[in-house]
Amino acid sequence: MSDRVSVTYENHIAHVRLTRADKMNAVDQAMIDGIIAAGNEVAASNARVCVISGEGKGFCAGIDIGGLGAMIGKDPVDLMMPRTHGGGTTNQWQEVSMVWTRVPVPVIAAVHGVCFGAGMQLALGADIRIAAPDARFAVMEMKWGIVPDMGGMVLMPRLLRSDVMRKLTYTAEPISAGQAEAWGLVTELADDPLAAAMALAEALTLKSPAALRAAKALIGYAETHAPDDILLEESRAQAGLMGTPEQMEVVAAQMQKRPPVFKT
């Protein structure tokens, strides 16, 4: 879809690739536009699962500092404060990560090499992160005298203890994939994270598409609402699934020990 990001579809899986390998997939304005467009495209598609990966030697090296020249002389308030995306909830930088939280199907990030700054916050927008053992992660903004501002302050507290998040943010020091897994930033390690991500995606295509979408929406709701509201939403989601033709097909397939066949 652009010279920065590509989207392909096969076997109900959307594969989003960062394609700026010569720059370690560093995020410039064109990459921002491409990532957001890819998220919106996948959200509107019939894909059942999405995988995000980066081409070349690393997942994403972070913001392309060379591309920040266009911001010089402009009022930071005018740049940052308008809510231009996400139905009036985000700016364009925040949408790079937050768009994936609104993609209604599971999103899996396959991470290798560096996953720094903007790249790390992009990966945080995924439901699941599978990383190579030699991958490295960093919250890089403090290196440049700024704070994480691409959705990280919404997404990191869902995964990390406060002290861990503070250390990562205050120091801007890279950590290993093993440490990231131990702290909860990474879901699991795999020698070939893209192959592992695709294998998981293929397994998820055999689950009820409606149930997967309902589960993602319910989990997102549960992360931001009070217990009584969550219990009501849980019942509402379940009532919308039980007894539908798709759910009956799942039951029949289980009883007959065969893969389910879905219409969508």
Protein backbone atom coordinates (compact mmCIF):
# COMPACT_ATOMS: atom_id res chain seq x y z
CA MET A 1 0.00 0.00 0.00
CA SER A 2 3.08 2.27 0.23
CA ASP A 3 6.87 2.16 0.10
CA ARG A 4 6.86 2.02 3.91
CA VAL A 5 4.17 -0.54 4.73
CA SER A 6 2.64 -3.45 2.85
CA VAL A 7 -0.50 -5.45 3.64
CA THR A 8 -1.19 -8.89 2.21
CA TYR A 9 -3.98 -11.38 2.90
CA GLU A 10 -3.78 -15.15 2.80
CA ASN A 11 -5.83 -17.86 4.55
CA HIS A 12 -7.79 -15.20 6.48
CA ILE A 13 -4.55 -13.71 7.88
CA ALA A 14 -3.59 -10.08 7.27
CA HIS A 15 0.19 -9.65 7.21
CA VAL A 16 1.36 -6.08 7.78
CA ARG A 17 5.04 -5.55 6.98
CA LEU A 18 7.18 -2.52 7.70
CA THR A 19 9.20 -2.27 4.50
CA ARG A 20 11.77 0.46 5.16
CA ALA A 21 14.54 -2.06 5.75
CA ASP A 22 17.33 0.27 4.61
CA LYS A 23 16.50 2.55 7.57
CA MET A 24 15.75 -0.24 10.08
CA ASN A 25 12.08 0.63 9.59
CA ALA A 26 12.57 3.97 11.32
CA VAL A 27 9.33 5.91 11.60
CA ASP A 28 9.03 9.05 9.48
CA GLN A 29 5.88 10.85 8.36
CA ALA A 30 5.34 8.44 5.47
CA MET A 31 5.68 5.48 7.84
CA ILE A 32 3.20 7.04 10.27
CA ASP A 33 0.70 7.48 7.45
CA GLY A 34 1.33 3.95 6.18
CA ILE A 35 0.92 2.28 9.57
CA ILE A 36 -2.31 4.09 10.33
CA ALA A 37 -3.68 3.35 6.87
CA ALA A 38 -2.76 -0.33 7.28
CA GLY A 39 -4.54 -0.53 10.62
CA ASN A 40 -7.67 1.02 9.21
CA GLU A 41 -7.57 -1.28 6.19
CA VAL A 42 -7.22 -4.43 8.28
CA ALA A 43 -9.98 -3.26 10.62
CA ALA A 44 -12.35 -2.97 7.66
CA SER A 45 -11.31 -6.30 6.12
CA ASN A 46 -12.59 -9.83 6.64
CA ALA A 47 -9.28 -10.97 8.13
CA ARG A 48 -9.60 -13.15 11.21
CA VAL A 49 -6.09 -12.45 12.54
CA CYS A 50 -3.34 -9.90 11.85
CA VAL A 51 0.44 -10.29 12.05
CA ILE A 52 2.80 -7.29 12.11
CA SER A 53 6.48 -7.73 11.24
CA GLY A 54 9.44 -5.69 10.04
CA GLU A 55 11.62 -6.46 7.06
CA GLY A 56 15.41 -6.38 7.22
CA LYS A 57 17.60 -6.55 10.33
CA GLY A 58 15.13 -5.18 12.86
CA PHE A 59 11.47 -4.68 13.68
CA CYS A 60 11.70 -0.90 14.09
CA ALA A 61 14.51 1.40 15.26
CA GLY A 62 12.12 4.11 16.44
CA ILE A 63 11.48 7.63 15.20
CA ASP A 64 13.59 8.80 12.27
CA ILE A 65 15.33 11.74 13.93
CA GLY A 66 16.29 13.11 10.52
CA GLY A 67 12.62 13.47 9.72
CA LEU A 68 11.91 15.69 12.72
CA GLY A 69 13.26 18.77 10.94
CA ALA A 70 9.79 19.51 9.63
CA MET A 71 8.68 20.13 13.24
CA ILE A 72 11.30 22.80 13.91
CA GLY A 73 9.78 26.23 14.49
CA LYS A 74 6.26 24.89 14.96
CA ASP A 75 4.32 25.22 18.18
CA PRO A 76 4.42 21.82 19.98
CA VAL A 77 0.96 22.46 21.40
CA ASP A 78 -0.45 22.93 17.91
CA LEU A 79 1.26 19.71 16.80
CA MET A 80 0.44 17.47 19.74
CA MET A 81 -2.84 18.54 21.25
CA PRO A 82 -5.39 18.29 18.40
CA ARG A 83 -7.25 14.97 18.54
CA THR A 84 -7.15 14.13 14.85
CA HIS A 85 -7.55 10.34 14.89
CA GLY A 86 -9.30 7.52 16.70
CA GLY A 87 -12.67 9.20 16.73
CA GLY A 88 -11.21 12.26 18.39
CA THR A 89 -9.09 10.45 21.01
CA THR A 90 -5.56 10.46 19.58
CA ASN A 91 -3.08 12.48 17.56
CA GLN A 92 -1.28 10.89 14.61
CA TRP A 93 1.69 9.69 16.67
CA GLN A 94 -0.52 7.98 19.24
CA GLU A 95 -2.59 6.40 16.49
CA VAL A 96 0.48 4.41 15.33
CA SER A 97 -0.02 2.13 18.32
CA MET A 98 -3.62 2.73 19.32
CA VAL A 99 -5.10 1.90 15.91
CA TRP A 100 -4.17 -1.75 16.51
CA THR A 101 -6.11 -1.85 19.77
CA ARG A 102 -9.20 -0.97 17.73
CA VAL A 103 -8.59 -3.55 15.01
CA PRO A 104 -11.37 -5.96 16.01
CA VAL A 105 -9.36 -9.16 15.51
CA PRO A 106 -6.26 -10.49 17.35
CA VAL A 107 -3.03 -8.73 16.37
CA ILE A 108 0.33 -10.50 16.79
CA ALA A 109 3.65 -8.64 16.58
CA ALA A 110 6.66 -10.67 15.41
CA VAL A 111 9.72 -8.84 16.74
CA HIS A 112 13.35 -9.32 15.77
CA GLY A 113 16.40 -7.13 16.14
CA VAL A 114 15.74 -3.69 17.58
CA CYS A 115 12.34 -2.62 18.86
CA PHE A 116 13.01 0.89 20.12
CA GLY A 117 10.89 3.94 20.94
CA ALA A 118 8.11 4.26 18.39
CA GLY A 119 8.71 0.65 17.37
CA MET A 120 8.20 -0.57 20.91
CA GLN A 121 5.00 1.41 21.27
CA LEU A 122 3.77 -0.01 17.95
CA ALA A 123 4.44 -3.52 19.26
CA LEU A 124 2.60 -2.67 22.48
CA GLY A 125 -0.51 -2.02 20.39
CA ALA A 126 -0.62 -5.70 19.45
CA ASP A 127 -2.47 -8.27 21.52
CA ILE A 128 0.53 -10.62 21.59
CA ARG A 129 4.28 -10.07 21.09
CA ILE A 130 6.55 -12.92 19.96
CA ALA A 131 10.24 -11.98 19.99
CA ALA A 132 13.51 -13.47 18.84
CA PRO A 133 15.88 -14.30 21.73
CA ASP A 134 18.35 -11.65 20.52
CA ALA A 135 15.74 -8.89 20.09
CA ARG A 136 16.19 -5.73 22.13
CA PHE A 137 13.58 -3.34 23.50
CA ALA A 138 13.82 0.24 24.72
CA VAL A 139 11.68 3.22 25.66
CA MET A 140 13.96 5.71 23.94
CA GLU A 141 12.27 9.07 24.42
CA MET A 142 14.27 10.15 27.50
CA LYS A 143 17.41 9.93 25.34
CA TRP A 144 16.08 12.95 23.45
CA GLY A 145 14.74 14.80 26.49
CA ILE A 146 11.10 13.91 25.92
CA VAL A 147 8.56 11.41 27.27
CA PRO A 148 6.79 8.46 25.62
CA ASP A 149 3.95 10.00 23.64
CA MET A 150 2.77 7.36 21.18
CA GLY A 151 0.27 5.49 23.35
CA GLY A 152 2.87 3.95 25.62
CA MET A 153 1.38 5.47 28.75
CA VAL A 154 -1.92 3.74 28.02
CA LEU A 155 -0.40 0.42 26.99
CA MET A 156 2.62 -0.12 29.27
CA PRO A 157 0.65 -0.01 32.55
CA ARG A 158 -1.45 -2.93 31.28
CA LEU A 159 1.67 -5.10 31.05
CA LEU A 160 4.32 -3.81 33.45
CA ARG A 161 4.72 -3.13 37.15
CA SER A 162 5.00 0.57 37.88
CA ASP A 163 8.65 0.35 38.98
CA VAL A 164 9.64 -1.51 35.81
CA MET A 165 7.83 1.00 33.61
CA ARG A 166 9.53 3.85 35.46
CA LYS A 167 13.00 2.34 35.07
CA LEU A 168 12.50 1.76 31.34
CA THR A 169 11.17 5.29 30.89
CA TYR A 170 13.69 7.10 33.09
CA THR A 171 16.82 5.35 31.77
CA ALA A 172 16.01 4.77 28.07
CA GLU A 173 18.32 1.75 28.33
CA PRO A 174 17.72 -1.22 26.00
CA ILE A 175 16.80 -4.55 27.57
CA SER A 176 17.10 -8.06 26.21
CA ALA A 177 14.17 -10.09 24.94
CA GLY A 178 14.62 -12.45 27.88
CA GLN A 179 14.29 -9.58 30.35
CA ALA A 180 11.33 -8.21 28.41
CA GLU A 181 9.62 -11.59 28.67
CA ALA A 182 10.35 -11.84 32.40
CA TRP A 183 8.85 -8.39 32.97
CA GLY A 184 5.73 -9.15 30.89
CA LEU A 185 6.53 -6.95 27.91
CA VAL A 186 6.97 -9.96 25.60
CA THR A 187 4.51 -12.84 25.44
CA GLU A 188 7.00 -15.51 24.38
CA LEU A 189 10.35 -16.06 22.67
CA ALA A 190 10.89 -17.95 19.41
CA ASP A 191 13.98 -18.47 17.26
CA ASP A 192 11.87 -17.49 14.25
CA PRO A 193 9.27 -15.07 15.62
CA LEU A 194 7.55 -14.53 12.27
CA ALA A 195 7.10 -18.27 11.73
CA ALA A 196 5.80 -18.62 15.27
CA ALA A 197 3.43 -15.68 14.81
CA MET A 198 2.08 -17.10 11.56
CA ALA A 199 1.61 -20.55 13.15
CA LEU A 200 -0.37 -18.97 15.98
CA ALA A 201 -2.37 -16.91 13.49
CA GLU A 202 -3.21 -20.04 11.49
CA ALA A 203 -4.40 -21.75 14.68
CA LEU A 204 -6.62 -18.78 15.49
CA THR A 205 -8.25 -18.87 12.06
CA LEU A 206 -9.84 -22.14 13.20
CA LYS A 207 -11.56 -20.40 16.11
CA SER A 208 -14.96 -18.74 15.77
CA PRO A 209 -14.38 -15.35 14.10
CA ALA A 210 -17.31 -13.86 16.00
CA ALA A 211 -16.04 -15.21 19.32
CA LEU A 212 -12.52 -13.89 18.68
CA ARG A 213 -13.85 -10.42 17.94
CA ALA A 214 -16.12 -10.55 20.97
CA ALA A 215 -13.26 -11.73 23.17
CA LYS A 216 -10.95 -8.90 22.06
CA ALA A 217 -13.67 -6.32 22.63
CA LEU A 218 -14.53 -7.81 26.02
CA ILE A 219 -10.91 -7.86 27.20
CA GLY A 220 -10.47 -4.25 26.14
CA TYR A 221 -13.63 -3.33 28.02
CA ALA A 222 -12.49 -5.22 31.11
CA GLU A 223 -9.22 -3.27 31.20
CA THR A 224 -10.97 0.08 31.56
CA HIS A 225 -14.25 -0.46 33.42
CA ALA A 226 -15.54 -1.26 36.89
CA PRO A 227 -16.27 -4.87 37.95
CA ASP A 228 -20.06 -4.56 37.89
CA ASP A 229 -19.97 -3.11 34.38
CA ILE A 230 -17.59 -5.83 33.25
CA LEU A 231 -19.86 -8.58 34.55
CA LEU A 232 -22.79 -7.10 32.64
CA GLU A 233 -20.73 -6.75 29.46
CA GLU A 234 -19.47 -10.33 29.85
CA SER A 235 -23.06 -11.60 29.93
CA ARG A 236 -24.05 -9.37 27.01
CA ALA A 237 -21.18 -10.66 24.87
CA GLN A 238 -21.98 -14.27 25.70
CA ALA A 239 -25.66 -13.86 24.96
CA GLY A 240 -24.76 -12.50 21.53
CA LEU A 241 -22.76 -15.62 20.69
CA MET A 242 -24.67 -18.54 22.14
CA GLY A 243 -26.95 -20.38 19.79
CA THR A 244 -25.82 -18.62 16.63
CA PRO A 245 -25.12 -20.74 13.53
CA GLU A 246 -21.40 -20.03 13.91
CA GLN A 247 -21.34 -21.19 17.52
CA MET A 248 -23.34 -24.28 16.61
CA GLU A 249 -20.78 -25.06 13.90
CA VAL A 250 -18.00 -24.85 16.50
CA VAL A 251 -19.87 -27.32 18.72
CA ALA A 252 -20.57 -29.66 15.79
CA ALA A 253 -16.96 -29.59 14.68
CA GLN A 254 -15.79 -30.43 18.21
CA MET A 255 -18.22 -33.34 18.46
CA GLN A 256 -17.29 -34.64 14.99
CA LYS A 257 -13.54 -34.09 15.52
CA ARG A 258 -13.13 -32.01 12.38
CA PRO A 259 -12.08 -28.44 11.57
CA PRO A 260 -14.97 -25.97 11.69
CA VAL A 261 -16.15 -24.34 8.48
CA PHE A 262 -17.12 -20.67 8.78
CA LYS A 263 -18.96 -18.60 6.21
CA THR A 264 -16.82 -15.48 6.73
